[in-house]
C-alpha atoms as a PDB file:
ATOM      1  CA  GLU A   1      16.888 -27.518   5.189  1.00  0.00           C
ATOM      2  CA  ASN A   2      14.705 -29.394   7.689  1.00  0.00           C
ATOM      3  CA  PHE A   3      16.912 -27.978  10.447  1.00  0.00           C
ATOM      4  CA  GLU A   4      16.340 -24.413   8.892  1.00  0.00           C
ATOM      5  CA  LYS A   5      12.631 -24.798   8.661  1.00  0.00           C
ATOM      6  CA  ALA A   6      12.319 -26.180  12.143  1.00  0.00           C
ATOM      7  CA  TYR A   7      14.194 -23.337  13.805  1.00  0.00           C
ATOM      8  CA  ALA A   8      12.712 -20.798  11.630  1.00  0.00           C
ATOM      9  CA  MET A   9       9.205 -21.988  12.495  1.00  0.00           C
ATOM     10  CA  ALA A  10      10.406 -21.737  16.260  1.00  0.00           C
ATOM     11  CA  PHE A  11      11.599 -18.210  15.650  1.00  0.00           C
ATOM     12  CA  LYS A  12       8.203 -17.219  14.141  1.00  0.00           C
ATOM     13  CA  GLU A  13       6.272 -18.361  17.218  1.00  0.00           C
ATOM     14  CA  LEU A  14       8.750 -16.166  19.261  1.00  0.00           C
ATOM     15  CA  GLY A  15       7.962 -13.120  17.092  1.00  0.00           C
ATOM     16  CA  ILE A  16      11.278 -12.861  15.522  1.00  0.00           C
ATOM     17  CA  PHE A  17       9.507 -12.497  12.056  1.00  0.00           C
ATOM     18  CA  LYS A  18       6.634 -10.205  11.113  1.00  0.00           C
ATOM     19  CA  GLY A  19       6.145 -12.244   8.062  1.00  0.00           C
ATOM     20  CA  LYS A  20       4.127 -10.242   5.602  1.00  0.00           C
ATOM     21  CA  ILE A  21       6.812  -9.272   3.076  1.00  0.00           C
ATOM     22  CA  VAL A  22      10.259 -10.857   2.205  1.00  0.00           C
ATOM     23  CA  ASN A  23      13.112  -9.798   0.255  1.00  0.00           C
ATOM     24  CA  LEU A  24      14.684 -12.722  -2.065  1.00  0.00           C
ATOM     25  CA  ASP A  25      18.079 -12.135  -3.176  1.00  0.00           C
ATOM     26  CA  CYS A  26      21.371 -13.910  -4.009  1.00  0.00           C
ATOM     27  CA  HIS A  27      24.841 -13.602  -2.454  1.00  0.00           C
ATOM     28  CA  PHE A  28      27.794 -14.886  -4.369  1.00  0.00           C
ATOM     29  CA  ILE A  29      30.601 -16.622  -2.513  1.00  0.00           C
ATOM     30  CA  GLY A  30      33.879 -16.491  -4.317  1.00  0.00           C
ATOM     31  CA  TYR A  31      35.977 -19.774  -4.496  1.00  0.00           C
ATOM     32  CA  PHE A  32      39.669 -19.383  -4.916  1.00  0.00           C
ATOM     33  CA  GLY A  33      40.555 -23.003  -4.974  1.00  0.00           C
ATOM     34  CA  ASP A  34      41.847 -25.302  -7.898  1.00  0.00           C
ATOM     35  CA  VAL A  35      38.607 -27.668  -8.203  1.00  0.00           C
ATOM     36  CA  LYS A  36      36.608 -26.941 -11.162  1.00  0.00           C
ATOM     37  CA  ILE A  37      33.143 -25.568 -10.300  1.00  0.00           C
ATOM     38  CA  GLY A  38      30.721 -23.344 -12.025  1.00  0.00           C
ATOM     39  CA  LYS A  39      31.587 -19.629 -12.572  1.00  0.00           C
ATOM     40  CA  ASP A  40      29.547 -16.417 -12.345  1.00  0.00           C
ATOM     41  CA  LYS A  41      30.072 -12.719 -12.440  1.00  0.00           C
ATOM     42  CA  HIS A  42      31.252 -11.472  -8.905  1.00  0.00           C
ATOM     43  CA  PRO A  43      29.131  -8.554  -7.990  1.00  0.00           C
ATOM     44  CA  THR A  44      32.233  -6.242  -6.883  1.00  0.00           C
ATOM     45  CA  ARG A  45      35.182  -7.615  -8.612  1.00  0.00           C
ATOM     46  CA  ASN A  46      33.466  -7.326 -11.951  1.00  0.00           C
ATOM     47  CA  VAL A  47      35.021 -10.520 -13.113  1.00  0.00           C
ATOM     48  CA  SER A  48      33.909 -13.953 -13.728  1.00  0.00           C
ATOM     49  CA  MET A  49      34.895 -16.532 -11.354  1.00  0.00           C
ATOM     50  CA  ARG A  50      34.185 -19.795  -9.539  1.00  0.00           C
ATOM     51  CA  GLY A  51      31.985 -19.687  -6.589  1.00  0.00           C
ATOM     52  CA  ILE A  52      28.824 -20.642  -4.804  1.00  0.00           C
ATOM     53  CA  LYS A  53      25.371 -18.697  -4.865  1.00  0.00           C
ATOM     54  CA  ALA A  54      23.492 -18.479  -1.660  1.00  0.00           C
ATOM     55  CA  PHE A  55      19.896 -17.551  -2.180  1.00  0.00           C
ATOM     56  CA  ILE A  56      18.306 -16.052   0.943  1.00  0.00           C
ATOM     57  CA  SER A  57      14.811 -14.991   1.937  1.00  0.00           C
ATOM     58  CA  GLN A  58      14.649 -12.264   4.381  1.00  0.00           C
ATOM     59  CA  ASP A  59      11.778 -10.803   6.649  1.00  0.00           C
ATOM     60  CA  GLN A  60      11.674  -7.384   5.297  1.00  0.00           C
ATOM     61  CA  GLU A  61      10.497  -5.635   8.503  1.00  0.00           C
ATOM     62  CA  THR A  62      12.787  -7.089  10.945  1.00  0.00           C
ATOM     63  CA  GLY A  63      15.759  -7.807   8.716  1.00  0.00           C
ATOM     64  CA  ASN A  64      16.022 -11.278   9.930  1.00  0.00           C
ATOM     65  CA  PRO A  65      16.912 -13.968   7.379  1.00  0.00           C
ATOM     66  CA  VAL A  66      14.191 -16.697   7.070  1.00  0.00           C
ATOM     67  CA  PHE A  67      15.602 -19.390   4.832  1.00  0.00           C
ATOM     68  CA  ALA A  68      18.689 -20.044   2.785  1.00  0.00           C
ATOM     69  CA  ARG A  69      19.639 -22.383  -0.064  1.00  0.00           C
ATOM     70  CA  VAL A  70      22.897 -22.896  -1.932  1.00  0.00           C
ATOM     71  CA  GLU A  71      23.561 -23.719  -5.550  1.00  0.00           C
ATOM     72  CA  TYR A  72      26.366 -24.020  -8.010  1.00  0.00           C
ATOM     73  CA  PRO A  73      26.517 -21.521 -10.832  1.00  0.00           C
ATOM     74  CA  ALA A  74      25.076 -22.988 -13.835  1.00  0.00           C
ATOM     75  CA  ARG A  75      23.588 -22.108 -17.045  1.00  0.00           C
ATOM     76  CA  GLY A  76      20.454 -24.189 -16.248  1.00  0.00           C
ATOM     77  CA  LEU A  77      19.961 -22.337 -12.969  1.00  0.00           C
ATOM     78  CA  LYS A  78      16.733 -20.344 -13.835  1.00  0.00           C
ATOM     79  CA  PRO A  79      15.015 -17.850 -11.646  1.00  0.00           C
ATOM     80  CA  GLU A  80      11.811 -20.121 -11.233  1.00  0.00           C
ATOM     81  CA  LYS A  81      13.844 -23.000 -10.181  1.00  0.00           C
ATOM     82  CA  ILE A  82      15.217 -21.109  -7.182  1.00  0.00           C
ATOM     83  CA  ALA A  83      12.388 -18.664  -6.476  1.00  0.00           C
ATOM     84  CA  VAL A  84       9.450 -21.255  -6.458  1.00  0.00           C
ATOM     85  CA  PRO A  85      10.710 -23.686  -3.977  1.00  0.00           C
ATOM     86  CA  MET A  86      12.267 -21.031  -1.832  1.00  0.00           C
ATOM     87  CA  LEU A  87       9.127 -19.056  -1.581  1.00  0.00           C
ATOM     88  CA  GLU A  88       6.965 -22.070  -0.897  1.00  0.00           C
ATOM     89  CA  ILE A  89       9.249 -23.131   1.907  1.00  0.00           C
ATOM     90  CA  THR A  90       9.134 -19.483   3.143  1.00  0.00           C
ATOM     91  CA  ARG A  91       5.473 -19.476   3.122  1.00  0.00           C
ATOM     92  CA  GLU A  92       5.224 -22.700   5.236  1.00  0.00           C
ATOM     93  CA  ILE A  93       7.401 -20.776   7.788  1.00  0.00           C
ATOM     94  CA  LEU A  94       5.528 -17.536   7.387  1.00  0.00           C
ATOM     95  CA  PRO A  95       1.798 -18.447   6.595  1.00  0.00           C
ATOM     96  CA  GLU A  96       0.882 -14.766   6.503  1.00  0.00           C
ATOM     97  CA  LEU A  97       3.124 -13.972   3.686  1.00  0.00           C
ATOM     98  CA  GLU A  98       1.661 -11.379   1.098  1.00  0.00           C
ATOM     99  CA  LYS A  99       4.523 -10.040  -1.046  1.00  0.00           C
ATOM    100  CA  ALA A 100       7.840 -10.895  -2.311  1.00  0.00           C
ATOM    101  CA  VAL A 101      10.548  -8.273  -3.425  1.00  0.00           C
ATOM    102  CA  PHE A 102      13.564  -9.217  -5.525  1.00  0.00           C
ATOM    103  CA  ASP A 103      16.050  -8.077  -8.196  1.00  0.00           C
ATOM    104  CA  LYS A 104      15.653  -7.954 -11.896  1.00  0.00           C
ATOM    105  CA  TRP A 105      17.361 -11.432 -12.258  1.00  0.00           C
ATOM    106  CA  PHE A 106      13.972 -12.724 -11.148  1.00  0.00           C
ATOM    107  CA  SER A 107      11.688 -10.700 -13.498  1.00  0.00           C
ATOM    108  CA  VAL A 108      10.839 -13.234 -15.820  1.00  0.00           C
ATOM    109  CA  GLY A 109       7.077 -14.079 -16.973  1.00  0.00           C
ATOM    110  CA  SER A 110       7.029 -17.518 -16.078  1.00  0.00           C
ATOM    111  CA  LEU A 111       8.015 -16.846 -12.439  1.00  0.00           C
ATOM    112  CA  LEU A 112       5.719 -13.933 -12.101  1.00  0.00           C
ATOM    113  CA  GLU A 113       2.866 -15.917 -13.418  1.00  0.00           C
ATOM    114  CA  TYR A 114       3.395 -18.615 -10.963  1.00  0.00           C
ATOM    115  CA  LEU A 115       3.487 -16.172  -8.071  1.00  0.00           C
ATOM    116  CA  ASP A 116       0.591 -14.249  -9.341  1.00  0.00           C
ATOM    117  CA  LYS A 117      -1.682 -17.125 -10.472  1.00  0.00           C
ATOM    118  CA  LYS A 118      -0.662 -20.113  -8.209  1.00  0.00           C
ATOM    119  CA  MET A 119       0.632 -18.684  -5.084  1.00  0.00           C
ATOM    120  CA  LYS A 120      -1.360 -15.548  -5.142  1.00  0.00           C
ATOM    121  CA  LEU A 121       1.552 -13.441  -3.893  1.00  0.00           C
ATOM    122  CA  LYS A 122       2.315  -9.942  -4.629  1.00  0.00           C
ATOM    123  CA  TYR A 123       5.751  -9.072  -6.127  1.00  0.00           C
ATOM    124  CA  VAL A 124       7.803  -6.013  -6.729  1.00  0.00           C
ATOM    125  CA  THR A 125      10.803  -6.329  -9.072  1.00  0.00           C
ATOM    126  CA  LEU A 126      13.059  -4.097 -11.205  1.00  0.00           C
ATOM    127  CA  ILE A 127      12.473  -4.254 -14.889  1.00  0.00           C
ATOM    128  CA  LYS A 128      15.212  -5.403 -17.124  1.00  0.00           C
ATOM    129  CA  LEU A 129      16.249  -2.226 -19.346  1.00  0.00           C
ATOM    130  CA  TYR A 130      16.017  -3.642 -22.854  1.00  0.00           C
ATOM    131  CA  ASP A 131      15.863  -1.174 -25.587  1.00  0.00           C
ATOM    132  CA  ASN A 132      12.057  -1.715 -26.272  1.00  0.00           C
ATOM    133  CA  ARG A 133      11.540  -1.179 -22.573  1.00  0.00           C
ATOM    134  CA  ILE A 134      13.229   2.129 -22.598  1.00  0.00           C
ATOM    135  CA  GLU A 135      11.323   3.190 -25.563  1.00  0.00           C
ATOM    136  CA  GLU A 136       8.053   2.130 -23.932  1.00  0.00           C
ATOM    137  CA  MET A 137       8.950   4.336 -20.935  1.00  0.00           C
ATOM    138  CA  LYS A 138      10.204   7.176 -23.100  1.00  0.00           C
ATOM    139  CA  SER A 139       6.902   7.124 -25.110  1.00  0.00           C
ATOM    140  CA  MET A 140       4.818   7.818 -22.142  1.00  0.00           C
ATOM    141  CA  PRO A 141       3.296  11.391 -22.222  1.00  0.00           C
ATOM    142  CA  LYS A 142       5.284  13.706 -20.001  1.00  0.00           C
ATOM    143  CA  GLU A 143       2.041  15.009 -18.358  1.00  0.00           C
ATOM    144  CA  MET A 144       1.600  11.822 -16.775  1.00  0.00           C
ATOM    145  CA  PHE A 145       4.630  12.131 -14.637  1.00  0.00           C
ATOM    146  CA  LYS A 146       4.275  13.656 -11.120  1.00  0.00           C
ATOM    147  CA  PRO A 147       7.009  14.804  -9.047  1.00  0.00           C
ATOM    148  CA  LEU A 148       8.435  12.164  -6.580  1.00  0.00           C
ATOM    149  CA  VAL A 149       8.374  13.766  -3.242  1.00  0.00           C
ATOM    150  CA  GLY A 150      11.667  14.408  -1.529  1.00  0.00           C
ATOM    151  CA  THR A 151      13.700  13.929  -4.740  1.00  0.00           C
ATOM    152  CA  ASP A 152      14.280  15.682  -8.210  1.00  0.00           C
ATOM    153  CA  GLN A 153      12.642  12.833  -9.923  1.00  0.00           C
ATOM    154  CA  MET A 154       9.327  12.172 -11.641  1.00  0.00           C
ATOM    155  CA  ILE A 155       7.021   9.156 -11.322  1.00  0.00           C
ATOM    156  CA  ALA A 156       4.262   7.649 -13.554  1.00  0.00           C
ATOM    157  CA  PHE A 157       2.790   4.235 -14.045  1.00  0.00           C
ATOM    158  CA  LYS A 158       0.894   2.245 -16.722  1.00  0.00           C
ATOM    159  CA  ASP A 159      -0.174  -1.269 -17.405  1.00  0.00           C
ATOM    160  CA  THR A 160       2.181  -3.257 -19.461  1.00  0.00           C
ATOM    161  CA  THR A 161       2.723  -6.840 -20.378  1.00  0.00           C
ATOM    162  CA  ILE A 162       5.670  -9.441 -20.281  1.00  0.00           C
ATOM    163  CA  ARG A 163       6.237 -12.681 -22.107  1.00  0.00           C
ATOM    164  CA  ASN A 164       4.997 -15.839 -20.485  1.00  0.00           C
ATOM    165  CA  PHE A 165       2.581 -13.737 -18.293  1.00  0.00           C
ATOM    166  CA  SER A 166      -1.093 -13.975 -18.975  1.00  0.00           C
ATOM    167  CA  GLY A 167      -2.758 -10.590 -18.547  1.00  0.00           C
ATOM    168  CA  SER A 168      -0.995  -7.224 -17.455  1.00  0.00           C
ATOM    169  CA  MET A 169       0.694  -5.860 -14.439  1.00  0.00           C
ATOM    170  CA  LYS A 170       1.709  -2.426 -13.415  1.00  0.00           C
ATOM    171  CA  LEU A 171       4.905  -0.755 -14.549  1.00  0.00           C
ATOM    172  CA  ILE A 172       6.050   1.905 -12.267  1.00  0.00           C
ATOM    173  CA  VAL A 173       8.431   4.452 -14.100  1.00  0.00           C
ATOM    174  CA  VAL A 174      10.800   6.858 -12.461  1.00  0.00           C
ATOM    175  CA  ARG A 175      12.192   9.459 -14.684  1.00  0.00           C
ATOM    176  CA  PHE A 176      15.380  11.484 -13.878  1.00  0.00           C
ATOM    177  CA  PHE A 177      18.393  13.311 -15.412  1.00  0.00           C
ATOM    178  CA  GLU A 178      21.931  12.186 -14.783  1.00  0.00           C
ATOM    179  CA  ASP A 179      24.526  14.648 -16.212  1.00  0.00           C
ATOM    180  CA  GLY A 180      21.919  16.278 -18.199  1.00  0.00           C
ATOM    181  CA  VAL A 181      20.964  12.937 -19.823  1.00  0.00           C
ATOM    182  CA  GLU A 182      17.284  11.675 -19.355  1.00  0.00           C
ATOM    183  CA  LYS A 183      17.178   8.123 -17.857  1.00  0.00           C
ATOM    184  CA  TYR A 184      14.703   5.827 -16.481  1.00  0.00           C
ATOM    185  CA  TYR A 185      14.055   3.129 -13.912  1.00  0.00           C
ATOM    186  CA  GLY A 186      11.101   0.664 -14.381  1.00  0.00           C
ATOM    187  CA  TYR A 187       9.317  -1.470 -11.606  1.00  0.00           C
ATOM    188  CA  LEU A 188       7.197  -4.333 -12.206  1.00  0.00           C
ATOM    189  CA  THR A 189       4.348  -5.236  -9.684  1.00  0.00           C
ATOM    190  CA  ASN A 190       1.004  -6.903  -9.517  1.00  0.00           C
ATOM    191  CA  ASP A 191       0.011  -4.894  -6.424  1.00  0.00           C
ATOM    192  CA  TYR A 192      -2.723  -2.443  -7.544  1.00  0.00           C
ATOM    193  CA  GLU A 193      -3.741  -1.665  -3.891  1.00  0.00           C
ATOM    194  CA  SER A 194      -0.439  -0.037  -2.418  1.00  0.00           C
ATOM    195  CA  SER A 195       0.562   3.438  -3.649  1.00  0.00           C
ATOM    196  CA  GLU A 196       3.489   3.644  -6.103  1.00  0.00           C
ATOM    197  CA  VAL A 197       5.494   5.672  -3.421  1.00  0.00           C
ATOM    198  CA  GLN A 198       5.043   2.587  -0.894  1.00  0.00           C
ATOM    199  CA  ILE A 199       5.849   0.155  -3.680  1.00  0.00           C
ATOM    200  CA  LEU A 200       9.195   2.042  -4.280  1.00  0.00           C
ATOM    201  CA  GLN A 201       9.982   2.211  -0.633  1.00  0.00           C
ATOM    202  CA  GLU A 202       9.512  -1.661  -0.272  1.00  0.00           C
ATOM    203  CA  LYS A 203      11.697  -2.134  -3.465  1.00  0.00           C
ATOM    204  CA  SER A 204      14.526   0.072  -1.681  1.00  0.00           C
ATOM    205  CA  TRP A 205      14.280  -1.995   1.552  1.00  0.00           C
ATOM    206  CA  ARG A 206      15.482  -4.974  -0.646  1.00  0.00           C
ATOM    207  CA  TRP A 207      18.947  -3.589   0.268  1.00  0.00           C
ATOM    208  CA  HIS A 208      18.493  -4.669   3.810  1.00  0.00           C
ATOM    209  CA  ILE A 209      19.495  -8.237   2.753  1.00  0.00           C
ATOM    210  CA  GLU A 210      22.964  -6.713   1.523  1.00  0.00           C
ATOM    211  CA  ASN A 211      23.210  -4.997   4.952  1.00  0.00           C
ATOM    212  CA  PHE A 212      22.604  -8.293   6.719  1.00  0.00           C
ATOM    213  CA  PHE A 213      25.545  -9.890   4.780  1.00  0.00           C
ATOM    214  CA  LYS A 214      27.735  -6.907   5.589  1.00  0.00           C
ATOM    215  CA  ASP A 215      26.608  -6.899   9.280  1.00  0.00           C
ATOM    216  CA  CYS A 216      27.309 -10.438   9.756  1.00  0.00           C
ATOM    217  CA  ASN A 217      30.599 -10.595   8.122  1.00  0.00           C
ATOM    218  CA  PHE A 218      32.149 -11.416  11.488  1.00  0.00           C
ATOM    219  CA  LEU A 219      30.337 -14.992  11.232  1.00  0.00           C
ATOM    220  CA  GLY A 220      32.557 -16.083   8.280  1.00  0.00           C
ATOM    221  CA  ILE A 221      29.570 -16.584   5.849  1.00  0.00           C
ATOM    222  CA  ASP A 222      31.964 -16.193   2.822  1.00  0.00           C
ATOM    223  CA  ALA A 223      34.371 -18.892   4.294  1.00  0.00           C
ATOM    224  CA  LEU A 224      33.364 -21.762   2.430  1.00  0.00           C
ATOM    225  CA  PRO A 225      33.964 -25.046   4.627  1.00  0.00           C
ATOM    226  CA  SER A 226      33.917 -27.204   1.445  1.00  0.00           C
ATOM    227  CA  ILE A 227      32.703 -27.131  -2.186  1.00  0.00           C
ATOM    228  CA  GLU A 228      29.933 -29.681  -1.106  1.00  0.00           C
ATOM    229  CA  LEU A 229      26.593 -28.099  -1.237  1.00  0.00           C
ATOM    230  CA  ASN A 230      25.434 -30.040   1.764  1.00  0.00           C
ATOM    231  CA  LYS A 231      28.446 -28.902   3.892  1.00  0.00           C
ATOM    232  CA  ILE A 232      27.996 -25.374   2.807  1.00  0.00           C
ATOM    233  CA  ALA A 233      24.167 -25.445   3.518  1.00  0.00           C
ATOM    234  CA  GLY A 234      24.715 -27.006   6.855  1.00  0.00           C
ATOM    235  CA  MET A 235      27.358 -24.419   7.895  1.00  0.00           C
ATOM    236  CA  LEU A 236      25.180 -21.397   6.380  1.00  0.00           C
ATOM    237  CA  ALA A 237      22.124 -22.702   8.384  1.00  0.00           C
ATOM    238  CA  MET A 238      24.202 -22.831  11.688  1.00  0.00           C
ATOM    239  CA  LYS A 239      25.327 -19.343  11.022  1.00  0.00           C
ATOM    240  CA  ILE A 240      22.298 -17.843  10.324  1.00  0.00           C
ATOM    241  CA  PHE A 241      20.662 -19.724  13.326  1.00  0.00           C
END
């Protein structure tokens, strides 16, 4: 990790990162050997299997990876345990960091509270579609929704609360029809300055991190050199370099 930080800081000096917005995401590397390590759901195979979770922060504007950390899948692996140290290290590398964009696994109140109150970071994340959240979005008056330009969807927003978060945050709601059925997406953010459309665009750019893994498949990132985290982290750092 010291090697990663050193070269990332050098890359920052060279202008390889813009440094204001980062994507944070997890990449699952499947393990097909016999050694008993933790299991998790494979994102494309739709089965639970042994593997390693690689967490990456990525400069959103350039698409360049900033910092990576690997972990075994485990029940005790909580979003704040991963995101807080990763974003603190990422901010060491990118002092101008203003916003983090991540998926719904990270949308827990204790993490969002830390980012908002302690790190003073803006965040954008998908909301988990529990029944009460769907009902909350359905209960919004239809006149609140405006057309989302360039799509057949409607958009609105309101203040909402989440457990373990003090105060309120913005809930951006996208309403659409799929096969005649009304459906919703919800996005949580503490960014009250950017437009809702800009926030949705930033959230859609989180997929750049998936593109990075596909584009760099030739590096053999998914080829585990070992099941020891130090060896995996070392190889991943060199491949990212």
